[in-house]
Amino acid sequence: MCLGVPGKIIDIYEKDGLQMGKIDFGAGVIRETCLAYVPEAVVGDYTIIHVGFALNVLSEEEALETLALLQEIMDLEDELGPESA
């Protein structure tokens, strides 16, 4: 299964000719991501990240809703244990 995770752009810069950014996923998790597919993105935007690439820009409301759903899934897995999967 593939998963795209919302993250907030906190910095944009160029590296080796590509538009790159630092993405904050919350809880202290910050990763470098290629922003070439979303040239319209600006610092403060939320994007869906998959394997190091920003795929699209989404609203803060959509991003926070998705993050809340992912947290519910993780909480449920913690509650049920790994054998239930």
PDB file of N, CA and C in Angstrom:
ATOM      1  N   MET A   1       0.844  -1.171   0.000  1.00  0.00           N
ATOM      2  CA  MET A   1       0.000   0.000   0.000  1.00  0.00           C
ATOM      3  C   MET A   1       0.892   1.238   0.000  1.00  0.00           C
ATOM      4  N   CYS A   2       0.512   2.225  -0.781  1.00  0.00           N
ATOM      5  CA  CYS A   2       1.231   3.499  -0.823  1.00  0.00           C
ATOM      6  C   CYS A   2       0.475   4.519   0.007  1.00  0.00           C
ATOM      7  N   LEU A   3       1.224   5.409   0.620  1.00  0.00           N
ATOM      8  CA  LEU A   3       0.604   6.399   1.484  1.00  0.00           C
ATOM      9  C   LEU A   3       1.220   7.761   1.238  1.00  0.00           C
ATOM     10  N   GLY A   4       0.387   8.739   0.977  1.00  0.00           N
ATOM     11  CA  GLY A   4       0.818  10.127   0.893  1.00  0.00           C
ATOM     12  C   GLY A   4       0.426  10.808   2.190  1.00  0.00           C
ATOM     13  N   VAL A   5       1.342  11.545   2.776  1.00  0.00           N
ATOM     14  CA  VAL A   5       1.114  12.148   4.089  1.00  0.00           C
ATOM     15  C   VAL A   5       1.182  13.667   3.968  1.00  0.00           C
ATOM     16  N   PRO A   6       0.229  14.388   4.548  1.00  0.00           N
ATOM     17  CA  PRO A   6       0.281  15.843   4.512  1.00  0.00           C
ATOM     18  C   PRO A   6       1.410  16.396   5.369  1.00  0.00           C
ATOM     19  N   GLY A   7       2.035  17.441   4.882  1.00  0.00           N
ATOM     20  CA  GLY A   7       3.063  18.138   5.635  1.00  0.00           C
ATOM     21  C   GLY A   7       3.038  19.607   5.275  1.00  0.00           C
ATOM     22  N   LYS A   8       3.584  20.438   6.152  1.00  0.00           N
ATOM     23  CA  LYS A   8       3.589  21.887   5.958  1.00  0.00           C
ATOM     24  C   LYS A   8       4.968  22.345   5.496  1.00  0.00           C
ATOM     25  N   ILE A   9       4.999  23.129   4.432  1.00  0.00           N
ATOM     26  CA  ILE A   9       6.255  23.658   3.909  1.00  0.00           C
ATOM     27  C   ILE A   9       6.756  24.748   4.856  1.00  0.00           C
ATOM     28  N   ILE A  10       7.987  24.566   5.346  1.00  0.00           N
ATOM     29  CA  ILE A  10       8.557  25.575   6.238  1.00  0.00           C
ATOM     30  C   ILE A  10       9.755  26.296   5.608  1.00  0.00           C
ATOM     31  N   ASP A  11      10.240  25.795   4.479  1.00  0.00           N
ATOM     32  CA  ASP A  11      11.344  26.444   3.781  1.00  0.00           C
ATOM     33  C   ASP A  11      11.354  25.967   2.335  1.00  0.00           C
ATOM     34  N   ILE A  12      11.693  26.856   1.419  1.00  0.00           N
ATOM     35  CA  ILE A  12      11.816  26.511  -0.004  1.00  0.00           C
ATOM     36  C   ILE A  12      13.167  27.012  -0.489  1.00  0.00           C
ATOM     37  N   TYR A  13      13.851  26.163  -1.276  1.00  0.00           N
ATOM     38  CA  TYR A  13      15.169  26.510  -1.794  1.00  0.00           C
ATOM     39  C   TYR A  13      15.448  25.673  -3.032  1.00  0.00           C
ATOM     40  N   GLU A  14      16.529  25.996  -3.729  1.00  0.00           N
ATOM     41  CA  GLU A  14      16.927  25.224  -4.901  1.00  0.00           C
ATOM     42  C   GLU A  14      18.133  24.365  -4.546  1.00  0.00           C
ATOM     43  N   LYS A  15      18.124  23.143  -5.053  1.00  0.00           N
ATOM     44  CA  LYS A  15      19.237  22.216  -4.833  1.00  0.00           C
ATOM     45  C   LYS A  15      19.432  21.409  -6.119  1.00  0.00           C
ATOM     46  N   ASP A  16      20.614  21.474  -6.663  1.00  0.00           N
ATOM     47  CA  ASP A  16      20.941  20.757  -7.913  1.00  0.00           C
ATOM     48  C   ASP A  16      19.932  21.054  -9.018  1.00  0.00           C
ATOM     49  N   GLY A  17      19.474  22.295  -9.094  1.00  0.00           N
ATOM     50  CA  GLY A  17      18.551  22.702 -10.140  1.00  0.00           C
ATOM     51  C   GLY A  17      17.094  22.353  -9.897  1.00  0.00           C
ATOM     52  N   LEU A  18      16.770  21.787  -8.739  1.00  0.00           N
ATOM     53  CA  LEU A  18      15.389  21.419  -8.413  1.00  0.00           C
ATOM     54  C   LEU A  18      14.859  22.277  -7.279  1.00  0.00           C
ATOM     55  N   GLN A  19      13.571  22.586  -7.352  1.00  0.00           N
ATOM     56  CA  GLN A  19      12.929  23.274  -6.233  1.00  0.00           C
ATOM     57  C   GLN A  19      12.708  22.260  -5.117  1.00  0.00           C
ATOM     58  N   MET A  20      13.257  22.554  -3.955  1.00  0.00           N
ATOM     59  CA  MET A  20      13.183  21.658  -2.806  1.00  0.00           C
ATOM     60  C   MET A  20      12.565  22.400  -1.630  1.00  0.00           C
ATOM     61  N   GLY A  21      12.180  21.647  -0.625  1.00  0.00           N
ATOM     62  CA  GLY A  21      11.633  22.273   0.560  1.00  0.00           C
ATOM     63  C   GLY A  21      11.846  21.433   1.792  1.00  0.00           C
ATOM     64  N   LYS A  22      11.755  22.085   2.929  1.00  0.00           N
ATOM     65  CA  LYS A  22      11.735  21.384   4.212  1.00  0.00           C
ATOM     66  C   LYS A  22      10.275  21.298   4.610  1.00  0.00           C
ATOM     67  N   ILE A  23       9.843  20.074   4.936  1.00  0.00           N
ATOM     68  CA  ILE A  23       8.448  19.811   5.257  1.00  0.00           C
ATOM     69  C   ILE A  23       8.333  19.370   6.708  1.00  0.00           C
ATOM     70  N   ASP A  24       7.402  20.008   7.425  1.00  0.00           N
ATOM     71  CA  ASP A  24       7.139  19.680   8.823  1.00  0.00           C
ATOM     72  C   ASP A  24       5.926  18.766   8.889  1.00  0.00           C
ATOM     73  N   PHE A  25       6.149  17.543   9.399  1.00  0.00           N
ATOM     74  CA  PHE A  25       5.074  16.575   9.553  1.00  0.00           C
ATOM     75  C   PHE A  25       4.515  16.565  10.969  1.00  0.00           C
ATOM     76  N   GLY A  26       5.011  17.449  11.817  1.00  0.00           N
ATOM     77  CA  GLY A  26       4.573  17.495  13.207  1.00  0.00           C
ATOM     78  C   GLY A  26       5.409  16.576  14.067  1.00  0.00           C
ATOM     79  N   ALA A  27       5.278  16.730  15.372  1.00  0.00           N
ATOM     80  CA  ALA A  27       5.995  15.900  16.358  1.00  0.00           C
ATOM     81  C   ALA A  27       7.507  15.927  16.129  1.00  0.00           C
ATOM     82  N   GLY A  28       8.014  17.048  15.604  1.00  0.00           N
ATOM     83  CA  GLY A  28       9.450  17.188  15.404  1.00  0.00           C
ATOM     84  C   GLY A  28      10.003  16.505  14.173  1.00  0.00           C
ATOM     85  N   VAL A  29       9.149  15.988  13.309  1.00  0.00           N
ATOM     86  CA  VAL A  29       9.592  15.296  12.091  1.00  0.00           C
ATOM     87  C   VAL A  29       9.646  16.296  10.933  1.00  0.00           C
ATOM     88  N   ILE A  30      10.866  16.563  10.455  1.00  0.00           N
ATOM     89  CA  ILE A  30      11.074  17.472   9.324  1.00  0.00           C
ATOM     90  C   ILE A  30      11.914  16.738   8.290  1.00  0.00           C
ATOM     91  N   ARG A  31      11.472  16.781   7.034  1.00  0.00           N
ATOM     92  CA  ARG A  31      12.171  16.073   5.965  1.00  0.00           C
ATOM     93  C   ARG A  31      12.339  16.981   4.752  1.00  0.00           C
ATOM     94  N   GLU A  32      13.396  16.705   3.988  1.00  0.00           N
ATOM     95  CA  GLU A  32      13.617  17.396   2.722  1.00  0.00           C
ATOM     96  C   GLU A  32      12.750  16.729   1.661  1.00  0.00           C
ATOM     97  N   THR A  33      12.140  17.562   0.811  1.00  0.00           N
ATOM     98  CA  THR A  33      11.210  17.048  -0.198  1.00  0.00           C
ATOM     99  C   THR A  33      11.385  17.812  -1.500  1.00  0.00           C
ATOM    100  N   CYS A  34      11.223  17.117  -2.599  1.00  0.00           N
ATOM    101  CA  CYS A  34      11.250  17.749  -3.916  1.00  0.00           C
ATOM    102  C   CYS A  34       9.897  18.418  -4.173  1.00  0.00           C
ATOM    103  N   LEU A  35       9.940  19.708  -4.534  1.00  0.00           N
ATOM    104  CA  LEU A  35       8.719  20.464  -4.803  1.00  0.00           C
ATOM    105  C   LEU A  35       8.511  20.730  -6.295  1.00  0.00           C
ATOM    106  N   ALA A  36       9.254  20.058  -7.141  1.00  0.00           N
ATOM    107  CA  ALA A  36       9.198  20.319  -8.587  1.00  0.00           C
ATOM    108  C   ALA A  36       7.799  20.131  -9.172  1.00  0.00           C
ATOM    109  N   TYR A  37       6.995  19.232  -8.615  1.00  0.00           N
ATOM    110  CA  TYR A  37       5.647  18.978  -9.144  1.00  0.00           C
ATOM    111  C   TYR A  37       4.620  19.994  -8.672  1.00  0.00           C
ATOM    112  N   VAL A  38       5.006  20.856  -7.710  1.00  0.00           N
ATOM    113  CA  VAL A  38       4.088  21.878  -7.204  1.00  0.00           C
ATOM    114  C   VAL A  38       4.789  23.246  -7.197  1.00  0.00           C
ATOM    115  N   PRO A  39       5.139  23.755  -8.376  1.00  0.00           N
ATOM    116  CA  PRO A  39       5.890  25.016  -8.441  1.00  0.00           C
ATOM    117  C   PRO A  39       5.130  26.196  -7.846  1.00  0.00           C
ATOM    118  N   GLU A  40       3.823  26.081  -7.718  1.00  0.00           N
ATOM    119  CA  GLU A  40       3.011  27.156  -7.154  1.00  0.00           C
ATOM    120  C   GLU A  40       3.049  27.202  -5.623  1.00  0.00           C
ATOM    121  N   ALA A  41       3.615  26.181  -4.999  1.00  0.00           N
ATOM    122  CA  ALA A  41       3.638  26.083  -3.539  1.00  0.00           C
ATOM    123  C   ALA A  41       4.494  27.184  -2.916  1.00  0.00           C
ATOM    124  N   VAL A  42       4.051  27.656  -1.759  1.00  0.00           N
ATOM    125  CA  VAL A  42       4.780  28.680  -1.014  1.00  0.00           C
ATOM    126  C   VAL A  42       4.923  28.216   0.438  1.00  0.00           C
ATOM    127  N   VAL A  43       5.852  28.844   1.151  1.00  0.00           N
ATOM    128  CA  VAL A  43       6.034  28.540   2.570  1.00  0.00           C
ATOM    129  C   VAL A  43       4.697  28.734   3.281  1.00  0.00           C
ATOM    130  N   GLY A  44       4.328  27.765   4.104  1.00  0.00           N
ATOM    131  CA  GLY A  44       3.055  27.801   4.819  1.00  0.00           C
ATOM    132  C   GLY A  44       1.992  26.914   4.206  1.00  0.00           C
ATOM    133  N   ASP A  45       2.175  26.539   2.918  1.00  0.00           N
ATOM    134  CA  ASP A  45       1.224  25.624   2.277  1.00  0.00           C
ATOM    135  C   ASP A  45       1.381  24.213   2.833  1.00  0.00           C
ATOM    136  N   TYR A  46       0.299  23.461   2.755  1.00  0.00           N
ATOM    137  CA  TYR A  46       0.340  22.039   3.055  1.00  0.00           C
ATOM    138  C   TYR A  46       0.366  21.281   1.745  1.00  0.00           C
ATOM    139  N   THR A  47       1.147  20.205   1.700  1.00  0.00           N
ATOM    140  CA  THR A  47       1.243  19.381   0.509  1.00  0.00           C
ATOM    141  C   THR A  47       1.133  17.912   0.895  1.00  0.00           C
ATOM    142  N   ILE A  48       0.747  17.096  -0.069  1.00  0.00           N
ATOM    143  CA  ILE A  48       0.770  15.650   0.126  1.00  0.00           C
ATOM    144  C   ILE A  48       2.140  15.168  -0.329  1.00  0.00           C
ATOM    145  N   ILE A  49       2.848  14.457   0.550  1.00  0.00           N
ATOM    146  CA  ILE A  49       4.193  13.964   0.255  1.00  0.00           C
ATOM    147  C   ILE A  49       4.154  12.448   0.106  1.00  0.00           C
ATOM    148  N   HIS A  50       4.764  11.972  -0.968  1.00  0.00           N
ATOM    149  CA  HIS A  50       4.897  10.529  -1.204  1.00  0.00           C
ATOM    150  C   HIS A  50       6.317  10.270  -1.684  1.00  0.00           C
ATOM    151  N   VAL A  51       7.027   9.413  -0.999  1.00  0.00           N
ATOM    152  CA  VAL A  51       8.417   9.028  -1.281  1.00  0.00           C
ATOM    153  C   VAL A  51       9.321  10.217  -1.641  1.00  0.00           C
ATOM    154  N   GLY A  52       9.187  11.288  -0.869  1.00  0.00           N
ATOM    155  CA  GLY A  52      10.079  12.425  -1.044  1.00  0.00           C
ATOM    156  C   GLY A  52       9.664  13.441  -2.082  1.00  0.00           C
ATOM    157  N   PHE A  53       8.458  13.309  -2.627  1.00  0.00           N
ATOM    158  CA  PHE A  53       7.951  14.245  -3.628  1.00  0.00           C
ATOM    159  C   PHE A  53       6.625  14.832  -3.172  1.00  0.00           C
ATOM    160  N   ALA A  54       6.492  16.153  -3.286  1.00  0.00           N
ATOM    161  CA  ALA A  54       5.212  16.808  -3.045  1.00  0.00           C
ATOM    162  C   ALA A  54       4.363  16.607  -4.291  1.00  0.00           C
ATOM    163  N   LEU A  55       3.166  16.058  -4.110  1.00  0.00           N
ATOM    164  CA  LEU A  55       2.326  15.738  -5.266  1.00  0.00           C
ATOM    165  C   LEU A  55       1.271  16.798  -5.557  1.00  0.00           C
ATOM    166  N   ASN A  56       0.753  17.440  -4.524  1.00  0.00           N
ATOM    167  CA  ASN A  56      -0.221  18.496  -4.718  1.00  0.00           C
ATOM    168  C   ASN A  56      -0.325  19.353  -3.463  1.00  0.00           C
ATOM    169  N   VAL A  57      -0.882  20.533  -3.644  1.00  0.00           N
ATOM    170  CA  VAL A  57      -1.105  21.455  -2.532  1.00  0.00           C
ATOM    171  C   VAL A  57      -2.540  21.247  -2.062  1.00  0.00           C
ATOM    172  N   LEU A  58      -2.748  21.290  -0.753  1.00  0.00           N
ATOM    173  CA  LEU A  58      -4.096  21.165  -0.226  1.00  0.00           C
ATOM    174  C   LEU A  58      -4.308  22.201   0.869  1.00  0.00           C
ATOM    175  N   SER A  59      -5.563  22.403   1.221  1.00  0.00           N
ATOM    176  CA  SER A  59      -5.881  23.401   2.234  1.00  0.00           C
ATOM    177  C   SER A  59      -5.450  22.913   3.615  1.00  0.00           C
ATOM    178  N   GLU A  60      -5.268  23.862   4.519  1.00  0.00           N
ATOM    179  CA  GLU A  60      -4.914  23.500   5.884  1.00  0.00           C
ATOM    180  C   GLU A  60      -6.001  22.622   6.498  1.00  0.00           C
ATOM    181  N   GLU A  61      -7.259  22.926   6.210  1.00  0.00           N
ATOM    182  CA  GLU A  61      -8.376  22.138   6.735  1.00  0.00           C
ATOM    183  C   GLU A  61      -8.285  20.681   6.275  1.00  0.00           C
ATOM    184  N   GLU A  62      -8.045  20.465   4.976  1.00  0.00           N
ATOM    185  CA  GLU A  62      -7.909  19.105   4.451  1.00  0.00           C
ATOM    186  C   GLU A  62      -6.721  18.386   5.081  1.00  0.00           C
ATOM    187  N   ALA A  63      -5.610  19.102   5.221  1.00  0.00           N
ATOM    188  CA  ALA A  63      -4.402  18.500   5.789  1.00  0.00           C
ATOM    189  C   ALA A  63      -4.632  18.078   7.232  1.00  0.00           C
ATOM    190  N   LEU A  64      -5.215  18.972   8.033  1.00  0.00           N
ATOM    191  CA  LEU A  64      -5.434  18.651   9.445  1.00  0.00           C
ATOM    192  C   LEU A  64      -6.448  17.532   9.620  1.00  0.00           C
ATOM    193  N   GLU A  65      -7.462  17.486   8.758  1.00  0.00           N
ATOM    194  CA  GLU A  65      -8.437  16.394   8.807  1.00  0.00           C
ATOM    195  C   GLU A  65      -7.765  15.057   8.498  1.00  0.00           C
ATOM    196  N   THR A  66      -6.926  15.041   7.476  1.00  0.00           N
ATOM    197  CA  THR A  66      -6.213  13.817   7.100  1.00  0.00           C
ATOM    198  C   THR A  66      -5.260  13.375   8.212  1.00  0.00           C
ATOM    199  N   LEU A  67      -4.533  14.326   8.791  1.00  0.00           N
ATOM    200  CA  LEU A  67      -3.616  13.988   9.888  1.00  0.00           C
ATOM    201  C   LEU A  67      -4.377  13.427  11.091  1.00  0.00           C
ATOM    202  N   ALA A  68      -5.555  13.972  11.367  1.00  0.00           N
ATOM    203  CA  ALA A  68      -6.372  13.462  12.477  1.00  0.00           C
ATOM    204  C   ALA A  68      -6.824  12.026  12.200  1.00  0.00           C
ATOM    205  N   LEU A  69      -7.205  11.742  10.961  1.00  0.00           N
ATOM    206  CA  LEU A  69      -7.613  10.380  10.596  1.00  0.00           C
ATOM    207  C   LEU A  69      -6.441   9.406  10.706  1.00  0.00           C
ATOM    208  N   LEU A  70      -5.258   9.826  10.263  1.00  0.00           N
ATOM    209  CA  LEU A  70      -4.083   8.963  10.383  1.00  0.00           C
ATOM    210  C   LEU A  70      -3.755   8.694  11.849  1.00  0.00           C
ATOM    211  N   GLN A  71      -3.930   9.708  12.708  1.00  0.00           N
ATOM    212  CA  GLN A  71      -3.687   9.522  14.137  1.00  0.00           C
ATOM    213  C   GLN A  71      -4.688   8.522  14.725  1.00  0.00           C
ATOM    214  N   GLU A  72      -5.944   8.591  14.298  1.00  0.00           N
ATOM    215  CA  GLU A  72      -6.962   7.630  14.759  1.00  0.00           C
ATOM    216  C   GLU A  72      -6.579   6.203  14.375  1.00  0.00           C
ATOM    217  N   ILE A  73      -6.061   6.041  13.167  1.00  0.00           N
ATOM    218  CA  ILE A  73      -5.641   4.714  12.713  1.00  0.00           C
ATOM    219  C   ILE A  73      -4.502   4.204  13.578  1.00  0.00           C
ATOM    220  N   MET A  74      -3.537   5.066  13.851  1.00  0.00           N
ATOM    221  CA  MET A  74      -2.403   4.650  14.691  1.00  0.00           C
ATOM    222  C   MET A  74      -2.861   4.321  16.109  1.00  0.00           C
ATOM    223  N   ASP A  75      -3.784   5.122  16.648  1.00  0.00           N
ATOM    224  CA  ASP A  75      -4.302   4.866  17.994  1.00  0.00           C
ATOM    225  C   ASP A  75      -5.038   3.535  18.034  1.00  0.00           C
ATOM    226  N   LEU A  76      -5.814   3.250  17.009  1.00  0.00           N
ATOM    227  CA  LEU A  76      -6.553   1.990  16.942  1.00  0.00           C
ATOM    228  C   LEU A  76      -5.591   0.810  16.863  1.00  0.00           C
ATOM    229  N   GLU A  77      -4.557   0.943  16.057  1.00  0.00           N
ATOM    230  CA  GLU A  77      -3.563  -0.129  15.953  1.00  0.00           C
ATOM    231  C   GLU A  77      -2.881  -0.364  17.301  1.00  0.00           C
ATOM    232  N   ASP A  78      -2.557   0.724  18.017  1.00  0.00           N
ATOM    233  CA  ASP A  78      -1.954   0.598  19.341  1.00  0.00           C
ATOM    234  C   ASP A  78      -2.899  -0.127  20.308  1.00  0.00           C
ATOM    235  N   GLU A  79      -4.184   0.188  20.192  1.00  0.00           N
ATOM    236  CA  GLU A  79      -5.190  -0.396  21.081  1.00  0.00           C
ATOM    237  C   GLU A  79      -5.400  -1.876  20.777  1.00  0.00           C
ATOM    238  N   LEU A  80      -5.454  -2.222  19.490  1.00  0.00           N
ATOM    239  CA  LEU A  80      -5.740  -3.601  19.099  1.00  0.00           C
ATOM    240  C   LEU A  80      -4.491  -4.487  19.102  1.00  0.00           C
ATOM    241  N   GLY A  81      -3.346  -3.894  18.919  1.00  0.00           N
ATOM    242  CA  GLY A  81      -2.105  -4.682  18.860  1.00  0.00           C
ATOM    243  C   GLY A  81      -1.785  -5.090  17.449  1.00  0.00           C
ATOM    244  N   PRO A  82      -0.522  -5.458  17.199  1.00  0.00           N
ATOM    245  CA  PRO A  82      -0.075  -5.785  15.837  1.00  0.00           C
ATOM    246  C   PRO A  82      -0.685  -7.071  15.275  1.00  0.00           C
ATOM    247  N   GLU A  83      -1.107  -7.993  16.116  1.00  0.00           N
ATOM    248  CA  GLU A  83      -1.649  -9.260  15.611  1.00  0.00           C
ATOM    249  C   GLU A  83      -2.985  -9.104  14.931  1.00  0.00           C
ATOM    250  N   SER A  84      -3.685  -7.983  15.154  1.00  0.00           N
ATOM    251  CA  SER A  84      -5.012  -7.795  14.575  1.00  0.00           C
ATOM    252  C   SER A  84      -4.956  -7.385  13.112  1.00  0.00           C
ATOM    253  N   ALA A  85      -3.797  -6.980  12.631  1.00  0.00           N
ATOM    254  CA  ALA A  85      -3.685  -6.476  11.251  1.00  0.00           C
ATOM    255  C   ALA A  85      -3.689  -7.568  10.249  1.00  0.00           C
TER     256      ALA A  85
END
